[in-house]
Amino acid sequence: GGGQDAAVDLVVDHYENPRNVGTLDKHSKNVGTGLVGAPACGDVMKLQIEVDDQGKIVDARFKTFGCGSAIASSSLATEWVKGKSVDEALTIRNTDIAKELCLPPVKLHCSSKFSAVLSPAIS
């Protein structure tokens, strides 16, 4: 299979077996929560990250209600941010996620929510 097949498999894999689904303790001082919704496709995404004292993201959890692309994007993104510093995580672009998953341009908004939800989670 070519790259396209592998990317489709990746989307399906992350959709059927999403990583890091769930919630972290929102009362912990090291946990930040971001929530964003896109009425356009009925997607709502909640992202929580846990940051250690060095500013490194040690854990990430998400809950996404929406299309498969949104779920796959969220799952992949939580994998990417773990182990990164907050500053590094903020450099992740939705286009990077979309490219990794080979999402068509029409689905770009599904991955763009991650950038939108990461900032409030960090602050």
N, C-alpha and C. Protein backbone atom coordinates (compact mmCIF):
# COMPACT_ATOMS: atom_id res chain seq x y z
N GLY A 1 0.81 -1.21 0.00
CA GLY A 1 0.00 0.00 0.00
C GLY A 1 0.83 1.24 0.00
N GLY A 2 0.33 2.29 -0.63
CA GLY A 2 1.03 3.57 -0.66
C GLY A 2 0.81 4.35 0.62
N GLY A 3 1.32 5.56 0.64
CA GLY A 3 1.19 6.41 1.81
C GLY A 3 -0.26 6.70 2.15
N GLN A 4 -1.08 6.85 1.12
CA GLN A 4 -2.50 7.16 1.34
C GLN A 4 -3.18 6.03 2.13
N ASP A 5 -2.88 4.77 1.75
CA ASP A 5 -3.47 3.63 2.45
C ASP A 5 -3.06 3.62 3.91
N ALA A 6 -1.78 3.88 4.15
CA ALA A 6 -1.28 3.87 5.52
C ALA A 6 -1.96 4.95 6.34
N ALA A 7 -2.18 6.12 5.72
CA ALA A 7 -2.83 7.22 6.42
C ALA A 7 -4.27 6.88 6.74
N VAL A 8 -4.96 6.25 5.81
CA VAL A 8 -6.34 5.83 6.06
C VAL A 8 -6.37 4.85 7.22
N ASP A 9 -5.42 3.91 7.22
CA ASP A 9 -5.33 2.96 8.33
C ASP A 9 -5.10 3.68 9.65
N LEU A 10 -4.27 4.73 9.61
CA LEU A 10 -3.97 5.50 10.82
C LEU A 10 -5.23 6.19 11.34
N VAL A 11 -5.99 6.80 10.43
CA VAL A 11 -7.24 7.46 10.83
C VAL A 11 -8.19 6.44 11.44
N VAL A 12 -8.36 5.30 10.76
CA VAL A 12 -9.28 4.27 11.24
C VAL A 12 -8.81 3.74 12.59
N ASP A 13 -7.50 3.53 12.72
CA ASP A 13 -6.94 3.02 13.96
C ASP A 13 -7.21 3.98 15.12
N HIS A 14 -6.93 5.27 14.89
CA HIS A 14 -7.13 6.26 15.95
C HIS A 14 -8.62 6.49 16.22
N TYR A 15 -9.45 6.27 15.21
CA TYR A 15 -10.89 6.43 15.40
C TYR A 15 -11.46 5.25 16.18
N GLU A 16 -11.05 4.05 15.80
CA GLU A 16 -11.60 2.85 16.45
C GLU A 16 -10.94 2.57 17.79
N ASN A 17 -9.68 2.96 17.93
CA ASN A 17 -8.95 2.75 19.18
C ASN A 17 -8.30 4.05 19.63
N PRO A 18 -9.12 5.07 19.92
CA PRO A 18 -8.51 6.36 20.26
C PRO A 18 -7.67 6.27 21.52
N ARG A 19 -6.55 6.96 21.50
CA ARG A 19 -5.64 6.98 22.64
C ARG A 19 -6.06 8.10 23.58
N ASN A 20 -5.78 7.89 24.85
CA ASN A 20 -5.88 8.97 25.84
C ASN A 20 -7.28 9.55 26.00
N VAL A 21 -8.29 8.72 25.83
CA VAL A 21 -9.66 9.19 26.06
C VAL A 21 -9.92 9.18 27.56
N GLY A 22 -10.59 10.22 28.04
CA GLY A 22 -10.93 10.25 29.46
C GLY A 22 -10.69 11.62 30.05
N THR A 23 -10.57 11.65 31.36
CA THR A 23 -10.38 12.92 32.04
C THR A 23 -9.28 12.80 33.09
N LEU A 24 -8.66 13.93 33.36
CA LEU A 24 -7.68 14.03 34.44
C LEU A 24 -8.37 14.77 35.59
N ASP A 25 -7.74 14.77 36.75
CA ASP A 25 -8.30 15.44 37.92
C ASP A 25 -8.27 16.95 37.73
N LYS A 26 -9.43 17.54 37.50
CA LYS A 26 -9.46 18.97 37.19
C LYS A 26 -9.13 19.84 38.40
N HIS A 27 -9.07 19.23 39.59
CA HIS A 27 -8.74 20.00 40.79
C HIS A 27 -7.23 20.05 41.03
N SER A 28 -6.48 19.24 40.29
CA SER A 28 -5.03 19.26 40.43
C SER A 28 -4.49 20.57 39.87
N LYS A 29 -3.53 21.16 40.58
CA LYS A 29 -2.99 22.45 40.13
C LYS A 29 -2.17 22.29 38.84
N ASN A 30 -1.76 21.07 38.53
CA ASN A 30 -0.95 20.84 37.33
C ASN A 30 -1.78 20.48 36.11
N VAL A 31 -3.09 20.43 36.26
CA VAL A 31 -3.95 20.03 35.15
C VAL A 31 -4.67 21.24 34.58
N GLY A 32 -4.58 21.40 33.26
CA GLY A 32 -5.30 22.47 32.58
C GLY A 32 -6.34 21.87 31.66
N THR A 33 -7.46 22.56 31.54
CA THR A 33 -8.55 22.06 30.71
C THR A 33 -8.94 23.08 29.66
N GLY A 34 -9.12 22.62 28.46
CA GLY A 34 -9.62 23.48 27.38
C GLY A 34 -10.85 22.83 26.78
N LEU A 35 -11.82 23.66 26.42
CA LEU A 35 -13.05 23.15 25.82
C LEU A 35 -13.38 24.00 24.61
N VAL A 36 -13.67 23.36 23.50
CA VAL A 36 -14.00 24.12 22.30
C VAL A 36 -15.07 23.35 21.53
N GLY A 37 -15.96 24.09 20.92
CA GLY A 37 -17.02 23.46 20.15
C GLY A 37 -17.10 24.07 18.76
N ALA A 38 -17.47 23.25 17.78
CA ALA A 38 -17.67 23.75 16.42
C ALA A 38 -19.06 23.34 15.97
N PRO A 39 -20.00 24.27 16.10
CA PRO A 39 -21.37 23.93 15.73
C PRO A 39 -21.48 23.47 14.27
N ALA A 40 -20.54 23.89 13.44
CA ALA A 40 -20.58 23.55 12.01
C ALA A 40 -20.76 22.05 11.79
N CYS A 41 -20.02 21.24 12.56
CA CYS A 41 -20.23 19.79 12.39
C CYS A 41 -20.59 19.14 13.71
N GLY A 42 -21.06 19.94 14.66
CA GLY A 42 -21.54 19.38 15.91
C GLY A 42 -20.45 18.79 16.78
N ASP A 43 -19.22 19.18 16.52
CA ASP A 43 -18.11 18.63 17.30
C ASP A 43 -17.89 19.45 18.56
N VAL A 44 -17.65 18.77 19.64
CA VAL A 44 -17.20 19.42 20.87
C VAL A 44 -15.98 18.65 21.33
N MET A 45 -14.92 19.38 21.66
CA MET A 45 -13.71 18.73 22.12
C MET A 45 -13.29 19.29 23.47
N LYS A 46 -12.98 18.39 24.38
CA LYS A 46 -12.44 18.78 25.67
C LYS A 46 -11.04 18.18 25.76
N LEU A 47 -10.08 18.99 26.10
CA LEU A 47 -8.70 18.53 26.22
C LEU A 47 -8.18 18.88 27.60
N GLN A 48 -7.52 17.94 28.24
CA GLN A 48 -6.87 18.20 29.51
C GLN A 48 -5.41 17.77 29.39
N ILE A 49 -4.54 18.62 29.91
CA ILE A 49 -3.13 18.25 29.95
C ILE A 49 -2.62 18.38 31.37
N GLU A 50 -1.67 17.54 31.71
CA GLU A 50 -1.01 17.62 33.01
C GLU A 50 0.43 18.01 32.76
N VAL A 51 0.88 19.05 33.46
CA VAL A 51 2.21 19.60 33.25
C VAL A 51 3.01 19.44 34.53
N ASP A 52 4.25 18.98 34.39
CA ASP A 52 5.07 18.84 35.60
C ASP A 52 5.73 20.17 35.95
N ASP A 53 6.54 20.16 37.02
CA ASP A 53 7.12 21.41 37.51
C ASP A 53 8.12 22.02 36.54
N GLN A 54 8.62 21.22 35.60
CA GLN A 54 9.55 21.73 34.59
C GLN A 54 8.81 22.25 33.36
N GLY A 55 7.49 22.22 33.39
CA GLY A 55 6.73 22.72 32.24
C GLY A 55 6.61 21.70 31.12
N LYS A 56 6.84 20.43 31.45
CA LYS A 56 6.71 19.37 30.44
C LYS A 56 5.34 18.71 30.58
N ILE A 57 4.73 18.43 29.44
CA ILE A 57 3.42 17.78 29.45
C ILE A 57 3.62 16.29 29.70
N VAL A 58 3.12 15.82 30.85
CA VAL A 58 3.33 14.43 31.23
C VAL A 58 2.13 13.55 30.89
N ASP A 59 0.97 14.18 30.70
CA ASP A 59 -0.20 13.38 30.34
C ASP A 59 -1.20 14.26 29.60
N ALA A 60 -2.03 13.64 28.81
CA ALA A 60 -3.06 14.36 28.07
C ALA A 60 -4.26 13.44 27.91
N ARG A 61 -5.43 14.02 28.08
CA ARG A 61 -6.68 13.26 27.91
C ARG A 61 -7.65 14.10 27.10
N PHE A 62 -8.48 13.45 26.34
CA PHE A 62 -9.47 14.21 25.58
C PHE A 62 -10.80 13.49 25.56
N LYS A 63 -11.83 14.25 25.31
CA LYS A 63 -13.15 13.71 24.99
C LYS A 63 -13.64 14.51 23.80
N THR A 64 -13.95 13.83 22.73
CA THR A 64 -14.44 14.49 21.53
C THR A 64 -15.76 13.87 21.12
N PHE A 65 -16.73 14.72 20.91
CA PHE A 65 -18.00 14.27 20.36
C PHE A 65 -18.05 14.82 18.95
N GLY A 66 -17.95 13.96 17.97
CA GLY A 66 -17.93 14.48 16.61
C GLY A 66 -17.55 13.42 15.62
N CYS A 67 -17.13 13.89 14.45
CA CYS A 67 -16.84 12.98 13.35
C CYS A 67 -15.55 12.20 13.59
N GLY A 68 -15.36 11.17 12.80
CA GLY A 68 -14.18 10.33 12.94
C GLY A 68 -12.89 11.09 12.78
N SER A 69 -12.88 12.07 11.87
CA SER A 69 -11.66 12.86 11.66
C SER A 69 -11.31 13.65 12.92
N ALA A 70 -12.32 14.18 13.60
CA ALA A 70 -12.08 14.95 14.82
C ALA A 70 -11.53 14.05 15.91
N ILE A 71 -12.09 12.86 16.03
CA ILE A 71 -11.63 11.91 17.05
C ILE A 71 -10.21 11.46 16.75
N ALA A 72 -9.94 11.11 15.50
CA ALA A 72 -8.60 10.67 15.11
C ALA A 72 -7.59 11.80 15.33
N SER A 73 -7.97 13.03 14.97
CA SER A 73 -7.08 14.18 15.15
C SER A 73 -6.75 14.38 16.63
N SER A 74 -7.77 14.30 17.47
CA SER A 74 -7.58 14.49 18.90
C SER A 74 -6.66 13.42 19.48
N SER A 75 -6.91 12.19 19.07
CA SER A 75 -6.13 11.07 19.57
C SER A 75 -4.66 11.21 19.19
N LEU A 76 -4.42 11.50 17.91
CA LEU A 76 -3.05 11.67 17.44
C LEU A 76 -2.37 12.84 18.15
N ALA A 77 -3.09 13.94 18.30
CA ALA A 77 -2.52 15.13 18.91
C ALA A 77 -2.13 14.90 20.37
N THR A 78 -2.95 14.15 21.12
CA THR A 78 -2.59 13.89 22.51
C THR A 78 -1.33 13.04 22.58
N GLU A 79 -1.15 12.15 21.61
CA GLU A 79 0.08 11.36 21.56
C GLU A 79 1.28 12.28 21.32
N TRP A 80 1.10 13.24 20.41
CA TRP A 80 2.19 14.13 20.04
C TRP A 80 2.62 15.05 21.18
N VAL A 81 1.67 15.54 21.99
CA VAL A 81 2.05 16.54 23.00
C VAL A 81 2.72 15.93 24.22
N LYS A 82 2.49 14.65 24.47
CA LYS A 82 3.09 14.03 25.65
C LYS A 82 4.61 14.08 25.55
N GLY A 83 5.24 14.51 26.64
CA GLY A 83 6.69 14.57 26.67
C GLY A 83 7.26 15.86 26.11
N LYS A 84 6.41 16.68 25.51
CA LYS A 84 6.87 17.96 24.98
C LYS A 84 6.72 19.04 26.03
N SER A 85 7.49 20.11 25.87
CA SER A 85 7.27 21.27 26.72
C SER A 85 6.02 21.98 26.22
N VAL A 86 5.48 22.83 27.08
CA VAL A 86 4.30 23.59 26.70
C VAL A 86 4.56 24.40 25.43
N ASP A 87 5.74 25.03 25.37
CA ASP A 87 6.08 25.84 24.19
C ASP A 87 6.14 24.99 22.92
N GLU A 88 6.72 23.79 23.05
CA GLU A 88 6.80 22.89 21.89
C GLU A 88 5.39 22.48 21.45
N ALA A 89 4.54 22.18 22.41
CA ALA A 89 3.18 21.74 22.09
C ALA A 89 2.43 22.82 21.33
N LEU A 90 2.68 24.07 21.68
CA LEU A 90 1.98 25.17 21.03
C LEU A 90 2.40 25.36 19.57
N THR A 91 3.53 24.74 19.19
CA THR A 91 3.98 24.87 17.80
C THR A 91 3.30 23.86 16.88
N ILE A 92 2.58 22.88 17.46
CA ILE A 92 1.89 21.89 16.64
C ILE A 92 0.74 22.58 15.90
N ARG A 93 0.73 22.42 14.60
CA ARG A 93 -0.31 23.05 13.79
C ARG A 93 -1.34 22.02 13.36
N ASN A 94 -2.55 22.48 13.19
CA ASN A 94 -3.59 21.57 12.72
C ASN A 94 -3.24 21.00 11.35
N THR A 95 -2.48 21.77 10.56
CA THR A 95 -2.09 21.27 9.23
C THR A 95 -1.13 20.09 9.36
N ASP A 96 -0.30 20.08 10.43
CA ASP A 96 0.60 18.95 10.66
C ASP A 96 -0.21 17.69 10.96
N ILE A 97 -1.22 17.85 11.81
CA ILE A 97 -2.08 16.72 12.16
C ILE A 97 -2.82 16.23 10.93
N ALA A 98 -3.39 17.17 10.17
CA ALA A 98 -4.15 16.81 8.97
C ALA A 98 -3.26 16.11 7.95
N LYS A 99 -2.00 16.59 7.85
CA LYS A 99 -1.06 15.99 6.89
C LYS A 99 -0.72 14.56 7.30
N GLU A 100 -0.47 14.38 8.59
CA GLU A 100 -0.13 13.05 9.11
C GLU A 100 -1.27 12.06 8.84
N LEU A 101 -2.50 12.54 8.97
CA LEU A 101 -3.66 11.69 8.77
C LEU A 101 -4.19 11.74 7.34
N CYS A 102 -3.54 12.56 6.48
CA CYS A 102 -3.99 12.75 5.10
C CYS A 102 -5.46 13.14 5.04
N LEU A 103 -5.87 14.06 5.91
CA LEU A 103 -7.26 14.53 5.88
C LEU A 103 -7.46 15.43 4.67
N PRO A 104 -8.59 15.31 4.02
CA PRO A 104 -8.88 16.22 2.91
C PRO A 104 -9.10 17.63 3.45
N PRO A 105 -8.85 18.65 2.62
CA PRO A 105 -8.98 20.05 3.07
C PRO A 105 -10.33 20.34 3.73
N VAL A 106 -11.38 19.67 3.27
CA VAL A 106 -12.70 19.94 3.84
C VAL A 106 -12.76 19.52 5.31
N LYS A 107 -11.85 18.64 5.71
CA LYS A 107 -11.84 18.16 7.09
C LYS A 107 -10.84 18.91 7.97
N LEU A 108 -10.22 19.94 7.41
CA LEU A 108 -9.18 20.66 8.15
C LEU A 108 -9.73 21.24 9.45
N HIS A 109 -10.99 21.68 9.44
CA HIS A 109 -11.57 22.25 10.66
C HIS A 109 -11.63 21.23 11.78
N CYS A 110 -11.66 19.95 11.46
CA CYS A 110 -11.71 18.92 12.49
C CYS A 110 -10.42 18.88 13.29
N SER A 111 -9.30 19.13 12.61
CA SER A 111 -8.02 19.12 13.31
C SER A 111 -7.69 20.49 13.89
N SER A 112 -8.33 21.55 13.36
CA SER A 112 -7.98 22.90 13.83
C SER A 112 -8.44 23.13 15.26
N LYS A 113 -9.42 22.36 15.70
CA LYS A 113 -9.90 22.55 17.07
C LYS A 113 -8.81 22.25 18.08
N PHE A 114 -7.86 21.38 17.71
CA PHE A 114 -6.83 21.05 18.69
C PHE A 114 -6.03 22.28 19.08
N SER A 115 -5.63 23.09 18.09
CA SER A 115 -4.88 24.32 18.39
C SER A 115 -5.72 25.24 19.27
N ALA A 116 -7.01 25.31 18.97
CA ALA A 116 -7.89 26.21 19.71
C ALA A 116 -8.08 25.77 21.15
N VAL A 117 -8.05 24.47 21.38
CA VAL A 117 -8.33 23.96 22.72
C VAL A 117 -7.05 23.85 23.55
N LEU A 118 -5.89 23.81 22.89
CA LEU A 118 -4.64 23.65 23.62
C LEU A 118 -4.29 24.90 24.42
N SER A 119 -4.49 26.07 23.84
CA SER A 119 -4.13 27.31 24.54
C SER A 119 -4.81 27.48 25.89
N PRO A 120 -6.16 27.35 25.95
CA PRO A 120 -6.79 27.48 27.27
C PRO A 120 -6.36 26.38 28.24
N ALA A 121 -6.05 25.19 27.73
CA ALA A 121 -5.61 24.11 28.60
C ALA A 121 -4.27 24.45 29.23
N ILE A 122 -3.41 25.11 28.45
CA ILE A 122 -2.08 25.46 28.93
C ILE A 122 -2.14 26.60 29.94
N SER A 123 -2.98 27.59 29.66
CA SER A 123 -3.08 28.71 30.59
C SER A 123 -3.98 28.30 31.75
